[in-house]
């Protein structure tokens, strides 16, 4: 059985060297620049934004929104995450940024930390997309 396999392999090699194999034709594509679709077909539609993206665009990326920013966003400022951040989220909504200083059970060091960072916060009306389903407490990011 091994001899037959070896014989067939040698026969196939010999026929291949002699060029006795089925012909295969290659087709080149049309590379002409005039064949490309016009620019109007390639136009890109504007990016569709979901509610969360629209709200982020309104808020801007520089300041944290006390009514809409998720808990993990407070990691940006040293000493805020997780304790003070959780207190801020739990006591929202706020009408003004200064209301954050009136959170019950704040210690003096916590109050001083908030006062030092008060310029880093903003307040916008609460958005349903951020407050439904405990999104602000658990953003589903587990790294």
Protein backbone atom coordinates (compact mmCIF):
# COMPACT_ATOMS: atom_id res chain seq x y z
CA UNK A 1 0.00 0.00 0.00
CA UNK A 2 2.90 2.32 0.78
CA UNK A 3 4.44 1.53 -2.61
CA UNK A 4 1.26 2.53 -4.46
CA UNK A 5 1.10 5.84 -2.57
CA UNK A 6 4.74 6.54 -3.32
CA UNK A 7 4.23 5.67 -6.99
CA UNK A 8 1.23 8.02 -7.28
CA UNK A 9 3.17 10.82 -5.60
CA UNK A 10 6.09 10.42 -8.02
CA UNK A 11 3.70 10.26 -11.00
CA UNK A 12 1.95 13.46 -9.87
CA UNK A 13 5.30 15.21 -9.43
CA UNK A 14 6.46 14.15 -12.91
CA UNK A 15 3.23 15.28 -14.55
CA UNK A 16 3.46 18.61 -12.73
CA UNK A 17 7.02 19.15 -13.98
CA UNK A 18 5.93 18.44 -17.54
CA UNK A 19 3.14 21.00 -17.27
CA UNK A 20 0.38 18.48 -17.72
CA UNK A 21 -2.01 19.90 -15.23
CA UNK A 22 -5.38 21.53 -15.82
CA UNK A 23 -5.07 25.12 -16.90
CA UNK A 24 -6.22 27.79 -14.50
CA UNK A 25 -6.95 31.25 -15.78
CA UNK A 26 -6.37 34.26 -13.59
CA UNK A 27 -8.58 37.30 -13.89
CA UNK A 28 -7.30 40.75 -12.92
CA UNK A 29 -9.74 43.21 -11.49
CA UNK A 30 -10.44 46.58 -13.06
CA UNK A 31 -7.97 48.95 -11.42
CA UNK A 32 -8.95 51.95 -13.45
CA UNK A 33 -9.53 55.03 -11.29
CA UNK A 34 -12.56 55.91 -13.38
CA UNK A 35 -14.23 52.68 -12.28
CA UNK A 36 -14.47 53.77 -8.63
CA UNK A 37 -17.86 54.93 -7.36
CA UNK A 38 -18.48 58.64 -7.24
CA UNK A 39 -17.92 60.58 -4.02
CA UNK A 40 -21.66 61.03 -3.44
CA UNK A 41 -22.02 57.29 -2.96
CA UNK A 42 -19.15 57.20 -0.48
CA UNK A 43 -20.57 60.03 1.64
CA UNK A 44 -20.68 59.16 5.32
CA UNK A 45 -23.84 59.69 7.32
CA UNK A 46 -23.49 61.74 10.49
CA UNK A 47 -22.95 59.61 13.60
CA UNK A 48 -26.16 58.83 15.41
CA UNK A 49 -25.95 59.55 19.13
CA UNK A 50 -27.83 57.70 21.83
CA UNK A 51 -29.29 59.54 24.83
CA UNK A 52 -26.22 58.98 26.98
CA UNK A 53 -23.86 60.35 24.32
CA UNK A 54 -26.06 63.41 23.81
CA UNK A 55 -26.03 64.12 27.53
CA UNK A 56 -22.24 63.75 27.68
CA UNK A 57 -21.93 66.22 24.79
CA UNK A 58 -24.08 68.72 26.71
CA UNK A 59 -22.08 68.32 29.91
CA UNK A 60 -18.63 68.48 28.34
CA UNK A 61 -15.68 66.42 29.47
CA UNK A 62 -13.95 68.89 31.76
CA UNK A 63 -16.26 68.96 34.78
CA UNK A 64 -18.12 66.21 36.60
CA UNK A 65 -21.87 66.57 36.64
CA UNK A 66 -23.05 65.94 40.20
CA UNK A 67 -26.48 64.80 38.99
CA UNK A 68 -25.42 62.53 36.12
CA UNK A 69 -21.80 61.37 36.42
CA UNK A 70 -21.34 57.72 37.39
CA UNK A 71 -19.60 56.81 40.63
CA UNK A 72 -16.39 55.71 38.89
CA UNK A 73 -15.96 59.16 37.30
CA UNK A 74 -15.05 60.56 40.70
CA UNK A 75 -11.80 58.55 40.62
CA UNK A 76 -10.48 61.49 38.64
CA UNK A 77 -10.03 63.44 41.89
CA UNK A 78 -7.84 62.10 44.66
CA UNK A 79 -9.69 61.12 47.84
CA UNK A 80 -13.20 61.24 46.32
CA UNK A 81 -13.67 57.59 45.36
CA UNK A 82 -15.45 55.60 46.68
CA UNK A 83 -16.74 57.10 49.94
CA UNK A 84 -17.40 60.74 49.07
CA UNK A 85 -18.47 59.82 45.54
CA UNK A 86 -21.08 57.41 46.90
CA UNK A 87 -22.38 60.10 49.24
CA UNK A 88 -22.67 62.54 46.33
CA UNK A 89 -24.53 60.04 44.15
CA UNK A 90 -26.83 58.96 47.00
CA UNK A 91 -27.85 62.53 47.83
CA UNK A 92 -28.46 63.75 44.27
CA UNK A 93 -30.14 65.62 42.62
CA UNK A 94 -28.64 69.03 43.32
CA UNK A 95 -29.88 72.44 42.21
CA UNK A 96 -26.48 74.11 42.63
CA UNK A 97 -22.92 72.86 42.99
CA UNK A 98 -22.67 74.34 46.49
CA UNK A 99 -25.46 72.02 47.73
CA UNK A 100 -22.91 69.20 47.75
CA UNK A 101 -21.37 70.81 50.83
CA UNK A 102 -24.65 70.27 52.71
CA UNK A 103 -24.59 66.46 52.47
CA UNK A 104 -25.43 65.03 55.90
CA UNK A 105 -22.72 63.10 57.78
CA UNK A 106 -19.81 64.78 55.96
CA UNK A 107 -16.71 64.99 58.14
CA UNK A 108 -14.64 68.17 58.18
CA UNK A 109 -11.82 66.66 56.05
CA UNK A 110 -14.40 65.45 53.51
CA UNK A 111 -16.00 68.91 53.44
CA UNK A 112 -12.59 70.54 52.88
CA UNK A 113 -11.85 68.11 50.05
CA UNK A 114 -15.17 68.97 48.39
CA UNK A 115 -14.53 72.70 48.82
CA UNK A 116 -11.10 72.30 47.23
CA UNK A 117 -12.67 70.58 44.20
CA UNK A 118 -15.86 72.65 43.91
CA UNK A 119 -14.67 74.24 40.64
CA UNK A 120 -14.38 70.78 39.07
CA UNK A 121 -18.13 70.14 39.35
CA UNK A 122 -21.18 71.26 37.44
CA UNK A 123 -24.91 70.59 37.78
CA UNK A 124 -27.34 69.82 34.96
CA UNK A 125 -30.86 68.41 35.22
CA UNK A 126 -30.85 64.66 35.95
CA UNK A 127 -31.18 62.52 32.83
CA UNK A 128 -33.22 59.31 32.95
CA UNK A 129 -30.54 57.48 30.98
CA UNK A 130 -28.11 57.94 33.88
CA UNK A 131 -30.36 57.42 36.87
CA UNK A 132 -32.42 54.41 35.84
CA UNK A 133 -31.33 50.95 36.89
CA UNK A 134 -28.62 52.14 39.29
CA UNK A 135 -26.35 53.08 36.37
CA UNK A 136 -24.54 55.69 38.42
CA UNK A 137 -23.63 53.17 41.11
CA UNK A 138 -22.71 50.26 38.87
CA UNK A 139 -21.54 51.10 35.37
CA UNK A 140 -20.69 47.49 34.57
CA UNK A 141 -16.97 48.19 34.28
CA UNK A 142 -15.02 45.59 36.18
CA UNK A 143 -11.34 46.25 35.57
